Amino acid sequence: MSFPNYPSNFDSPPLLTAAAQLRGKRRPPAPPWLIFCPQASVLRHAVKQWRGQRVPGFFGETYLLDRSEQQVAVAGGFGVGAPVVGVLVEMFAVWGVARLVWLGIAGGLQPELRTGDLVLVETAVRDEGTSHHYLPSEPTVAASPRLTESVAQAITQANLPYQTGATWSTDAPYRETAVAVRHYQQLGVQTVEMEVAALFAVAHYCQKEAAALLAVSDLLAGGVWQQATSPHLPEQRLAQALDGLVRLAREQAR
């Protein structure tokens, strides 16, 4: 069976569009950057540190950061999974956002990874459903090289060590089996999460740039799931990365 069931669905015009849903809703001008903050503490940090003003009309919570000189918005509180991220990417694209960055947590697949390690994603394995409705069903989808380079610059300036690699995006966290983990380990995949492949694919479809920075939380490399050894460390690293991205966005605008 092909996926999606109707094989050319990814290349056919939709009936329901984000533009139609947003038509008539009042919003401020869109900033160039939108940072997804699925972890609540990172979103709260952004709103407090950079003086966020709520923007209505989107799922979850979206804030324009006043202290970013109107260059950055953040989004959070929208739940988990690829479908909602796909919807939001389309809505933010209609708003006028050009660059979309995901700052989230992920499970570590490689034995050298530790809680709090940062992985800048180059490609995502498409083991979720959403991306296949936007692009032909290839095994992986890539981040924007130019935006990924900008994220690398921001976190380097923030003195945050990181490594680059691939992530495995899946819709079924309770089906991350030992055999699947071994398979992706052997392929050199670094992390597992639920949303990044959809982010990359939908952004590509909408002709926008997308990048993802993941902080390792729990670990699966040993064939047994291990909880985070320092539960708050991944979110602290992501908050530091967010600050670096906002500073870079302001610098680029000057």
C-alpha atoms as a PDB file:
ATOM      1  CA  MET A   1       0.000   0.000   0.000  1.00  0.00           C
ATOM      2  CA  SER A   2       1.348   3.433  -0.888  1.00  0.00           C
ATOM      3  CA  PHE A   3       1.430   6.210   1.674  1.00  0.00           C
ATOM      4  CA  PRO A   4      -0.601   8.347   1.666  1.00  0.00           C
ATOM      5  CA  ASN A   5      -3.345   6.019   0.417  1.00  0.00           C
ATOM      6  CA  TYR A   6      -4.001   8.262  -2.591  1.00  0.00           C
ATOM      7  CA  PRO A   7      -0.475   8.252  -4.037  1.00  0.00           C
ATOM      8  CA  SER A   8      -0.310  11.783  -5.506  1.00  0.00           C
ATOM      9  CA  ASN A   9      -2.104  13.458  -2.617  1.00  0.00           C
ATOM     10  CA  PHE A  10       1.034  15.360  -1.583  1.00  0.00           C
ATOM     11  CA  ASP A  11       1.022  17.178  -4.946  1.00  0.00           C
ATOM     12  CA  SER A  12      -2.694  18.043  -5.208  1.00  0.00           C
ATOM     13  CA  PRO A  13      -4.300  21.379  -4.226  1.00  0.00           C
ATOM     14  CA  PRO A  14      -6.113  21.379  -0.851  1.00  0.00           C
ATOM     15  CA  LEU A  15      -9.708  22.419  -0.183  1.00  0.00           C
ATOM     16  CA  LEU A  16      -9.069  23.690   3.355  1.00  0.00           C
ATOM     17  CA  THR A  17      -6.126  26.092   3.643  1.00  0.00           C
ATOM     18  CA  ALA A  18      -4.356  27.937   6.422  1.00  0.00           C
ATOM     19  CA  ALA A  19      -4.882  31.174   4.505  1.00  0.00           C
ATOM     20  CA  ALA A  20      -8.657  30.683   4.578  1.00  0.00           C
ATOM     21  CA  GLN A  21      -8.639  29.927   8.304  1.00  0.00           C
ATOM     22  CA  LEU A  22      -6.575  33.019   9.120  1.00  0.00           C
ATOM     23  CA  ARG A  23      -8.386  35.389   6.782  1.00  0.00           C
ATOM     24  CA  GLY A  24      -9.905  38.330   8.629  1.00  0.00           C
ATOM     25  CA  LYS A  25      -8.011  37.729  11.878  1.00  0.00           C
ATOM     26  CA  ARG A  26      -5.997  40.705  13.070  1.00  0.00           C
ATOM     27  CA  ARG A  27      -2.326  40.125  13.836  1.00  0.00           C
ATOM     28  CA  PRO A  28       0.801  42.253  14.048  1.00  0.00           C
ATOM     29  CA  PRO A  29       3.296  42.053  11.170  1.00  0.00           C
ATOM     30  CA  ALA A  30       5.129  38.729  11.184  1.00  0.00           C
ATOM     31  CA  PRO A  31       8.723  38.575  12.429  1.00  0.00           C
ATOM     32  CA  PRO A  32      11.351  36.803  10.296  1.00  0.00           C
ATOM     33  CA  TRP A  33      11.965  34.133  12.977  1.00  0.00           C
ATOM     34  CA  LEU A  34       9.612  31.764  14.795  1.00  0.00           C
ATOM     35  CA  ILE A  35      11.016  29.496  17.515  1.00  0.00           C
ATOM     36  CA  PHE A  36       8.977  26.480  18.580  1.00  0.00           C
ATOM     37  CA  CYS A  37       9.258  25.938  22.357  1.00  0.00           C
ATOM     38  CA  PRO A  38       7.350  22.716  23.144  1.00  0.00           C
ATOM     39  CA  GLN A  39       8.788  22.625  26.682  1.00  0.00           C
ATOM     40  CA  ALA A  40       6.723  24.948  28.899  1.00  0.00           C
ATOM     41  CA  SER A  41       9.705  26.205  30.911  1.00  0.00           C
ATOM     42  CA  VAL A  42      11.507  27.330  27.746  1.00  0.00           C
ATOM     43  CA  LEU A  43       8.410  29.198  26.558  1.00  0.00           C
ATOM     44  CA  ARG A  44       8.041  30.895  29.958  1.00  0.00           C
ATOM     45  CA  HIS A  45      11.707  31.873  29.883  1.00  0.00           C
ATOM     46  CA  ALA A  46      11.306  33.431  26.437  1.00  0.00           C
ATOM     47  CA  VAL A  47       8.219  35.410  27.411  1.00  0.00           C
ATOM     48  CA  LYS A  48       9.810  36.727  30.620  1.00  0.00           C
ATOM     49  CA  GLN A  49      13.342  37.359  29.371  1.00  0.00           C
ATOM     50  CA  TRP A  50      12.353  38.938  26.074  1.00  0.00           C
ATOM     51  CA  ARG A  51       8.974  40.484  27.031  1.00  0.00           C
ATOM     52  CA  GLY A  52       6.531  38.455  24.974  1.00  0.00           C
ATOM     53  CA  GLN A  53       3.222  39.885  23.782  1.00  0.00           C
ATOM     54  CA  ARG A  54       0.498  37.349  22.962  1.00  0.00           C
ATOM     55  CA  VAL A  55      -0.499  36.998  19.310  1.00  0.00           C
ATOM     56  CA  PRO A  56      -4.025  35.557  18.870  1.00  0.00           C
ATOM     57  CA  GLY A  57      -5.282  33.195  16.217  1.00  0.00           C
ATOM     58  CA  PHE A  58      -2.898  30.227  16.495  1.00  0.00           C
ATOM     59  CA  PHE A  59      -3.132  26.874  18.280  1.00  0.00           C
ATOM     60  CA  GLY A  60      -1.494  26.949  21.701  1.00  0.00           C
ATOM     61  CA  GLU A  61       0.314  30.144  22.628  1.00  0.00           C
ATOM     62  CA  THR A  62       2.261  32.440  20.318  1.00  0.00           C
ATOM     63  CA  TYR A  63       4.167  35.517  21.498  1.00  0.00           C
ATOM     64  CA  LEU A  64       6.006  38.278  19.661  1.00  0.00           C
ATOM     65  CA  LEU A  65       9.151  39.131  21.640  1.00  0.00           C
ATOM     66  CA  ASP A  66       9.368  42.902  22.113  1.00  0.00           C
ATOM     67  CA  ARG A  67      13.011  42.856  23.183  1.00  0.00           C
ATOM     68  CA  SER A  68      13.946  40.991  20.014  1.00  0.00           C
ATOM     69  CA  GLU A  69      13.230  44.219  18.120  1.00  0.00           C
ATOM     70  CA  GLN A  70      10.246  42.454  16.522  1.00  0.00           C
ATOM     71  CA  GLN A  71      12.523  39.868  14.925  1.00  0.00           C
ATOM     72  CA  VAL A  72      11.394  36.738  16.809  1.00  0.00           C
ATOM     73  CA  ALA A  73       8.155  35.069  17.868  1.00  0.00           C
ATOM     74  CA  VAL A  74       7.863  31.942  20.003  1.00  0.00           C
ATOM     75  CA  ALA A  75       5.195  29.266  20.091  1.00  0.00           C
ATOM     76  CA  GLY A  76       4.330  26.623  22.669  1.00  0.00           C
ATOM     77  CA  GLY A  77       1.493  24.952  24.526  1.00  0.00           C
ATOM     78  CA  PHE A  78       0.236  23.284  21.344  1.00  0.00           C
ATOM     79  CA  GLY A  79       0.599  19.664  22.414  1.00  0.00           C
ATOM     80  CA  VAL A  80       2.780  16.977  20.845  1.00  0.00           C
ATOM     81  CA  GLY A  81       3.094  15.214  17.530  1.00  0.00           C
ATOM     82  CA  ALA A  82       3.680  15.854  13.862  1.00  0.00           C
ATOM     83  CA  PRO A  83       0.130  16.837  12.764  1.00  0.00           C
ATOM     84  CA  VAL A  84      -0.161  19.925  14.970  1.00  0.00           C
ATOM     85  CA  VAL A  85       3.331  21.046  13.972  1.00  0.00           C
ATOM     86  CA  GLY A  86       2.391  20.700  10.312  1.00  0.00           C
ATOM     87  CA  VAL A  87      -0.711  22.832  10.831  1.00  0.00           C
ATOM     88  CA  LEU A  88       1.260  25.496  12.701  1.00  0.00           C
ATOM     89  CA  VAL A  89       4.016  25.648  10.084  1.00  0.00           C
ATOM     90  CA  GLU A  90       1.393  26.343   7.418  1.00  0.00           C
ATOM     91  CA  MET A  91      -0.274  29.006   9.579  1.00  0.00           C
ATOM     92  CA  PHE A  92       3.007  30.721  10.440  1.00  0.00           C
ATOM     93  CA  ALA A  93       3.998  30.631   6.767  1.00  0.00           C
ATOM     94  CA  VAL A  94       0.757  32.420   5.850  1.00  0.00           C
ATOM     95  CA  TRP A  95       1.451  34.956   8.603  1.00  0.00           C
ATOM     96  CA  GLY A  96       4.754  35.692   6.890  1.00  0.00           C
ATOM     97  CA  VAL A  97       7.410  33.946   8.990  1.00  0.00           C
ATOM     98  CA  ALA A  98      10.474  32.972   6.937  1.00  0.00           C
ATOM     99  CA  ARG A  99      12.576  30.926   9.401  1.00  0.00           C
ATOM    100  CA  LEU A 100      11.272  28.244  11.754  1.00  0.00           C
ATOM    101  CA  VAL A 101      13.464  26.733  14.472  1.00  0.00           C
ATOM    102  CA  TRP A 102      12.507  23.802  16.709  1.00  0.00           C
ATOM    103  CA  LEU A 103      13.997  23.715  20.232  1.00  0.00           C
ATOM    104  CA  GLY A 104      12.861  20.462  21.814  1.00  0.00           C
ATOM    105  CA  ILE A 105      13.911  17.428  23.812  1.00  0.00           C
ATOM    106  CA  ALA A 106      14.614  13.984  22.388  1.00  0.00           C
ATOM    107  CA  GLY A 107      15.656  10.502  23.390  1.00  0.00           C
ATOM    108  CA  GLY A 108      19.321   9.654  22.894  1.00  0.00           C
ATOM    109  CA  LEU A 109      20.091   6.639  20.704  1.00  0.00           C
ATOM    110  CA  GLN A 110      23.893   6.584  20.651  1.00  0.00           C
ATOM    111  CA  PRO A 111      25.788   5.313  23.716  1.00  0.00           C
ATOM    112  CA  GLU A 112      28.048   8.374  23.971  1.00  0.00           C
ATOM    113  CA  LEU A 113      25.120  10.761  24.410  1.00  0.00           C
ATOM    114  CA  ARG A 114      24.303  12.103  27.865  1.00  0.00           C
ATOM    115  CA  THR A 115      21.396  14.038  29.343  1.00  0.00           C
ATOM    116  CA  GLY A 116      21.633  17.675  28.259  1.00  0.00           C
ATOM    117  CA  ASP A 117      23.736  17.079  25.139  1.00  0.00           C
ATOM    118  CA  LEU A 118      22.670  19.193  22.166  1.00  0.00           C
ATOM    119  CA  VAL A 119      22.194  17.774  18.677  1.00  0.00           C
ATOM    120  CA  LEU A 120      21.791  20.089  15.706  1.00  0.00           C
ATOM    121  CA  VAL A 121      19.715  18.117  13.226  1.00  0.00           C
ATOM    122  CA  GLU A 122      20.805  17.771   9.611  1.00  0.00           C
ATOM    123  CA  THR A 123      18.239  15.184   8.479  1.00  0.00           C
ATOM    124  CA  ALA A 124      15.141  13.518   9.917  1.00  0.00           C
ATOM    125  CA  VAL A 125      13.953   9.959   9.332  1.00  0.00           C
ATOM    126  CA  ARG A 126      10.320  10.099   8.196  1.00  0.00           C
ATOM    127  CA  ASP A 127       8.680   7.457  10.386  1.00  0.00           C
ATOM    128  CA  GLU A 128       5.639   9.659  11.031  1.00  0.00           C
ATOM    129  CA  GLY A 129       2.667  10.287   8.756  1.00  0.00           C
ATOM    130  CA  THR A 130       2.414  14.035   8.225  1.00  0.00           C
ATOM    131  CA  SER A 131       5.500  14.564   6.068  1.00  0.00           C
ATOM    132  CA  HIS A 132       4.286  12.052   3.491  1.00  0.00           C
ATOM    133  CA  HIS A 133       1.276  14.249   2.710  1.00  0.00           C
ATOM    134  CA  TYR A 134       3.619  17.102   1.712  1.00  0.00           C
ATOM    135  CA  LEU A 135       6.568  15.485  -0.065  1.00  0.00           C
ATOM    136  CA  PRO A 136       7.129  12.236  -1.986  1.00  0.00           C
ATOM    137  CA  SER A 137       7.796   9.347   0.380  1.00  0.00           C
ATOM    138  CA  GLU A 138      11.587   9.310   0.631  1.00  0.00           C
ATOM    139  CA  PRO A 139      13.235   7.887   3.785  1.00  0.00           C
ATOM    140  CA  THR A 140      14.522  11.226   5.107  1.00  0.00           C
ATOM    141  CA  VAL A 141      14.027  14.973   4.823  1.00  0.00           C
ATOM    142  CA  ALA A 142      16.735  17.589   5.322  1.00  0.00           C
ATOM    143  CA  ALA A 143      16.919  20.794   7.329  1.00  0.00           C
ATOM    144  CA  SER A 144      17.653  24.105   5.642  1.00  0.00           C
ATOM    145  CA  PRO A 145      21.473  24.262   5.418  1.00  0.00           C
ATOM    146  CA  ARG A 146      21.541  28.064   5.652  1.00  0.00           C
ATOM    147  CA  LEU A 147      19.287  28.261   8.708  1.00  0.00           C
ATOM    148  CA  THR A 148      21.111  25.352  10.346  1.00  0.00           C
ATOM    149  CA  GLU A 149      24.339  27.284   9.902  1.00  0.00           C
ATOM    150  CA  SER A 150      22.747  30.303  11.595  1.00  0.00           C
ATOM    151  CA  VAL A 151      21.621  28.148  14.539  1.00  0.00           C
ATOM    152  CA  ALA A 152      25.152  26.746  14.806  1.00  0.00           C
ATOM    153  CA  GLN A 153      26.513  30.294  14.882  1.00  0.00           C
ATOM    154  CA  ALA A 154      24.078  31.319  17.630  1.00  0.00           C
ATOM    155  CA  ILE A 155      24.803  28.392  19.935  1.00  0.00           C
ATOM    156  CA  THR A 156      28.545  28.671  19.351  1.00  0.00           C
ATOM    157  CA  GLN A 157      28.396  32.328  20.387  1.00  0.00           C
ATOM    158  CA  ALA A 158      26.424  31.207  23.460  1.00  0.00           C
ATOM    159  CA  ASN A 159      29.294  28.808  24.342  1.00  0.00           C
ATOM    160  CA  LEU A 160      27.074  25.750  24.039  1.00  0.00           C
ATOM    161  CA  PRO A 161      28.796  22.578  22.783  1.00  0.00           C
ATOM    162  CA  TYR A 162      26.818  20.525  20.277  1.00  0.00           C
ATOM    163  CA  GLN A 163      27.088  17.800  17.687  1.00  0.00           C
ATOM    164  CA  THR A 164      25.323  17.359  14.370  1.00  0.00           C
ATOM    165  CA  GLY A 165      23.447  14.366  13.043  1.00  0.00           C
ATOM    166  CA  ALA A 166      20.139  12.748  12.172  1.00  0.00           C
ATOM    167  CA  THR A 167      16.977  12.247  14.200  1.00  0.00           C
ATOM    168  CA  TRP A 168      14.257   9.606  13.954  1.00  0.00           C
ATOM    169  CA  SER A 169      10.734  11.104  13.946  1.00  0.00           C
ATOM    170  CA  THR A 170       7.997   8.663  14.924  1.00  0.00           C
ATOM    171  CA  ASP A 171       4.292   8.921  15.728  1.00  0.00           C
ATOM    172  CA  ALA A 172       4.471   6.033  18.193  1.00  0.00           C
ATOM    173  CA  PRO A 173       6.719   6.649  21.213  1.00  0.00           C
ATOM    174  CA  TYR A 174       5.546   3.451  22.880  1.00  0.00           C
ATOM    175  CA  ARG A 175       6.651   1.489  19.802  1.00  0.00           C
ATOM    176  CA  GLU A 176      10.305   2.515  20.037  1.00  0.00           C
ATOM    177  CA  THR A 177      11.379  -1.107  20.155  1.00  0.00           C
ATOM    178  CA  ALA A 178      14.820  -2.533  20.860  1.00  0.00           C
ATOM    179  CA  VAL A 179      15.126  -3.805  17.289  1.00  0.00           C
ATOM    180  CA  ALA A 180      14.237  -0.388  15.850  1.00  0.00           C
ATOM    181  CA  VAL A 181      16.662   1.394  18.174  1.00  0.00           C
ATOM    182  CA  ARG A 182      19.475  -0.969  17.119  1.00  0.00           C
ATOM    183  CA  HIS A 183      18.617  -0.372  13.467  1.00  0.00           C
ATOM    184  CA  TYR A 184      18.847   3.409  13.767  1.00  0.00           C
ATOM    185  CA  GLN A 185      21.956   3.192  15.939  1.00  0.00           C
ATOM    186  CA  GLN A 186      23.672   1.265  13.172  1.00  0.00           C
ATOM    187  CA  LEU A 187      22.649   3.996  10.713  1.00  0.00           C
ATOM    188  CA  GLY A 188      24.253   6.604  12.970  1.00  0.00           C
ATOM    189  CA  VAL A 189      20.982   8.305  13.944  1.00  0.00           C
ATOM    190  CA  GLN A 190      21.482  10.307  17.127  1.00  0.00           C
ATOM    191  CA  THR A 191      18.036  10.934  18.589  1.00  0.00           C
ATOM    192  CA  VAL A 192      14.344  10.059  18.500  1.00  0.00           C
ATOM    193  CA  GLU A 193      11.387  12.455  18.796  1.00  0.00           C
ATOM    194  CA  MET A 194       7.976  13.034  17.183  1.00  0.00           C
ATOM    195  CA  GLU A 195       7.927  16.269  15.176  1.00  0.00           C
ATOM    196  CA  VAL A 196      11.077  17.250  13.303  1.00  0.00           C
ATOM    197  CA  ALA A 197      10.444  15.389  10.027  1.00  0.00           C
ATOM    198  CA  ALA A 198       7.055  17.085   9.714  1.00  0.00           C
ATOM    199  CA  LEU A 199       8.604  20.478  10.481  1.00  0.00           C
ATOM    200  CA  PHE A 200      11.185  20.068   7.724  1.00  0.00           C
ATOM    201  CA  ALA A 201       8.762  18.659   5.150  1.00  0.00           C
ATOM    202  CA  VAL A 202       5.979  21.202   5.627  1.00  0.00           C
ATOM    203  CA  ALA A 203       8.444  24.088   5.712  1.00  0.00           C
ATOM    204  CA  HIS A 204       9.934  22.830   2.447  1.00  0.00           C
ATOM    205  CA  TYR A 205       6.447  22.602   0.935  1.00  0.00           C
ATOM    206  CA  CYS A 206       5.710  26.169   2.063  1.00  0.00           C
ATOM    207  CA  GLN A 207       9.090  27.367   0.723  1.00  0.00           C
ATOM    208  CA  LYS A 208      10.305  28.386   4.186  1.00  0.00           C
ATOM    209  CA  GLU A 209      13.513  27.544   6.048  1.00  0.00           C
ATOM    210  CA  ALA A 210      13.474  25.131   8.994  1.00  0.00           C
ATOM    211  CA  ALA A 211      16.068  23.901  11.480  1.00  0.00           C
ATOM    212  CA  ALA A 212      15.996  21.902  14.717  1.00  0.00           C
ATOM    213  CA  LEU A 213      18.129  21.792  17.844  1.00  0.00           C
ATOM    214  CA  LEU A 214      17.432  18.914  20.230  1.00  0.00           C
ATOM    215  CA  ALA A 215      18.501  18.444  23.828  1.00  0.00           C
ATOM    216  CA  VAL A 216      18.894  14.833  24.920  1.00  0.00           C
ATOM    217  CA  SER A 217      16.632  13.958  27.845  1.00  0.00           C
ATOM    218  CA  ASP A 218      16.030  10.229  28.285  1.00  0.00           C
ATOM    219  CA  LEU A 219      18.315   7.513  26.903  1.00  0.00           C
ATOM    220  CA  LEU A 220      17.568   4.356  24.900  1.00  0.00           C
ATOM    221  CA  ALA A 221      21.044   3.309  23.745  1.00  0.00           C
ATOM    222  CA  GLY A 222      21.494   0.391  26.137  1.00  0.00           C
ATOM    223  CA  GLY A 223      18.353  -1.431  25.077  1.00  0.00           C
ATOM    224  CA  VAL A 224      16.570  -0.238  28.238  1.00  0.00           C
ATOM    225  CA  TRP A 225      14.812   3.104  28.609  1.00  0.00           C
ATOM    226  CA  GLN A 226      16.588   5.354  31.126  1.00  0.00           C
ATOM    227  CA  GLN A 227      15.031   8.508  32.518  1.00  0.00           C
ATOM    228  CA  ALA A 228      16.927  11.789  32.425  1.00  0.00           C
ATOM    229  CA  THR A 229      19.667  11.869  35.060  1.00  0.00           C
ATOM    230  CA  SER A 230      19.343  15.679  35.376  1.00  0.00           C
ATOM    231  CA  PRO A 231      15.718  16.406  34.414  1.00  0.00           C
ATOM    232  CA  HIS A 232      16.062  20.198  34.232  1.00  0.00           C
ATOM    233  CA  LEU A 233      19.353  20.312  32.322  1.00  0.00           C
ATOM    234  CA  PRO A 234      17.950  19.785  28.793  1.00  0.00           C
ATOM    235  CA  GLU A 235      15.480  22.635  29.202  1.00  0.00           C
ATOM    236  CA  GLN A 236      18.161  24.905  30.673  1.00  0.00           C
ATOM    237  CA  ARG A 237      20.337  24.275  27.612  1.00  0.00           C
ATOM    238  CA  LEU A 238      17.426  24.997  25.292  1.00  0.00           C
ATOM    239  CA  ALA A 239      16.676  28.265  27.098  1.00  0.00           C
ATOM    240  CA  GLN A 240      20.313  29.282  26.655  1.00  0.00           C
ATOM    241  CA  ALA A 241      20.107  28.376  22.979  1.00  0.00           C
ATOM    242  CA  LEU A 242      16.952  30.463  22.609  1.00  0.00           C
ATOM    243  CA  ASP A 243      18.728  33.491  24.067  1.00  0.00           C
ATOM    244  CA  GLY A 244      21.536  32.994  21.575  1.00  0.00           C
ATOM    245  CA  LEU A 245      19.098  32.795  18.680  1.00  0.00           C
ATOM    246  CA  VAL A 246      17.290  35.975  19.702  1.00  0.00           C
ATOM    247  CA  ARG A 247      20.596  37.845  19.975  1.00  0.00           C
ATOM    248  CA  LEU A 248      21.629  36.597  16.524  1.00  0.00           C
ATOM    249  CA  ALA A 249      18.284  37.603  14.993  1.00  0.00           C
ATOM    250  CA  ARG A 250      18.691  41.120  16.389  1.00  0.00           C
ATOM    251  CA  GLU A 251      22.256  41.363  15.068  1.00  0.00           C
ATOM    252  CA  GLN A 252      21.223  40.237  11.594  1.00  0.00           C
ATOM    253  CA  ALA A 253      18.470  42.858  11.484  1.00  0.00           C
ATOM    254  CA  ARG A 254      20.835  45.765  12.257  1.00  0.00           C
END
